[in-house]
Amino acid sequence: MADTKEVQRLIRQLSHDKPWLETEEEATKRRCKAASALGELGDTSAVPHLIEALADSDWHVRKYAAGALGKLGIKKPAKPVVSVS
């Protein structure tokens, strides 16, 4: 099982918030790496955060979040990703 502190650190990095010194591109790379690492660690406590990342404004982050969910064995998110009006 993954280290809880490491998982929590990666979940914070997955957040859309970016430090003021970070460019948008750097923030996107950070979120993608965090999503990927969460999938590799195999800790299912990250699932709600990865599902939330499926609605990220950047398609790269959505792609990595979907890949991480797949690695965790999640085939279908618990809530709709896209709202249909």
Protein backbone atom coordinates (compact mmCIF):
# COMPACT_ATOMS: atom_id res chain seq x y z
CA MET A 1 0.00 0.00 0.00
CA ALA A 2 1.18 3.51 -0.78
CA ASP A 3 2.43 5.92 1.86
CA THR A 4 -0.55 8.02 2.97
CA LYS A 5 1.50 11.23 3.15
CA GLU A 6 2.74 10.71 -0.42
CA VAL A 7 -0.79 10.12 -1.68
CA GLN A 8 -2.02 13.28 0.06
CA ARG A 9 0.87 15.29 -1.39
CA LEU A 10 0.02 14.08 -4.90
CA ILE A 11 -3.67 14.83 -4.40
CA ARG A 12 -2.74 18.42 -3.47
CA GLN A 13 -0.54 18.63 -6.59
CA LEU A 14 -3.45 17.42 -8.71
CA SER A 15 -5.41 20.48 -7.63
CA HIS A 16 -5.97 23.18 -10.24
CA ASP A 17 -4.53 25.84 -7.94
CA LYS A 18 -1.14 27.05 -9.11
CA PRO A 19 1.53 28.87 -7.18
CA TRP A 20 2.08 32.41 -8.39
CA LEU A 21 5.55 31.54 -9.75
CA GLU A 22 4.22 28.65 -11.83
CA THR A 23 3.22 29.12 -15.48
CA GLU A 24 0.04 27.52 -16.81
CA GLU A 25 2.16 24.99 -18.71
CA GLU A 26 4.09 24.09 -15.56
CA ALA A 27 0.81 23.71 -13.63
CA THR A 28 -0.55 21.38 -16.31
CA LYS A 29 2.61 19.24 -16.23
CA ARG A 30 2.43 19.10 -12.41
CA ARG A 31 -1.19 17.94 -12.48
CA CYS A 32 -0.49 15.34 -15.20
CA LYS A 33 2.48 13.92 -13.27
CA ALA A 34 0.43 13.82 -10.07
CA ALA A 35 -2.43 11.96 -11.77
CA SER A 36 -0.03 9.46 -13.32
CA ALA A 37 1.76 8.86 -10.01
CA LEU A 38 -1.54 8.35 -8.18
CA GLY A 39 -2.44 5.62 -10.67
CA GLU A 40 0.96 3.97 -10.20
CA LEU A 41 0.70 4.01 -6.39
CA GLY A 42 -2.55 2.05 -6.50
CA ASP A 43 -4.22 3.77 -3.55
CA THR A 44 -7.97 3.95 -4.19
CA SER A 45 -8.38 6.90 -1.79
CA ALA A 46 -7.31 9.02 -4.78
CA VAL A 47 -10.29 7.92 -6.90
CA PRO A 48 -12.64 10.83 -6.02
CA HIS A 49 -9.89 13.33 -6.82
CA LEU A 50 -9.06 11.63 -10.10
CA ILE A 51 -12.75 11.60 -11.04
CA GLU A 52 -12.87 15.32 -10.30
CA ALA A 53 -9.82 15.78 -12.54
CA LEU A 54 -11.80 14.27 -15.44
CA ALA A 55 -13.54 17.64 -15.63
CA ASP A 56 -10.28 19.63 -15.71
CA SER A 57 -10.10 22.43 -18.27
CA ASP A 58 -6.95 20.92 -19.79
CA TRP A 59 -7.36 17.77 -21.90
CA HIS A 60 -3.91 16.52 -20.91
CA VAL A 61 -4.92 16.38 -17.26
CA ARG A 62 -8.19 14.63 -18.17
CA LYS A 63 -6.22 12.05 -20.19
CA TYR A 64 -3.80 11.28 -17.33
CA ALA A 65 -6.64 11.15 -14.78
CA ALA A 66 -8.52 8.65 -16.98
CA GLY A 67 -5.36 6.55 -17.35
CA ALA A 68 -4.81 6.57 -13.59
CA LEU A 69 -8.40 5.48 -12.95
CA GLY A 70 -7.89 2.64 -15.41
CA LYS A 71 -4.77 1.52 -13.54
CA LEU A 72 -6.80 1.55 -10.34
CA GLY A 73 -9.41 -0.70 -11.96
CA ILE A 74 -12.12 1.97 -12.16
CA LYS A 75 -14.02 1.40 -15.39
CA LYS A 76 -16.81 3.93 -14.96
CA PRO A 77 -16.79 7.08 -12.83
CA ALA A 78 -19.35 7.32 -10.05
CA LYS A 79 -20.75 10.59 -11.39
CA PRO A 80 -21.17 11.99 -14.89
CA VAL A 81 -18.09 13.74 -16.22
CA VAL A 82 -19.95 15.97 -18.64
CA SER A 83 -23.29 17.60 -18.01
CA VAL A 84 -25.79 17.20 -20.84
CA SER A 85 -28.31 20.03 -21.07
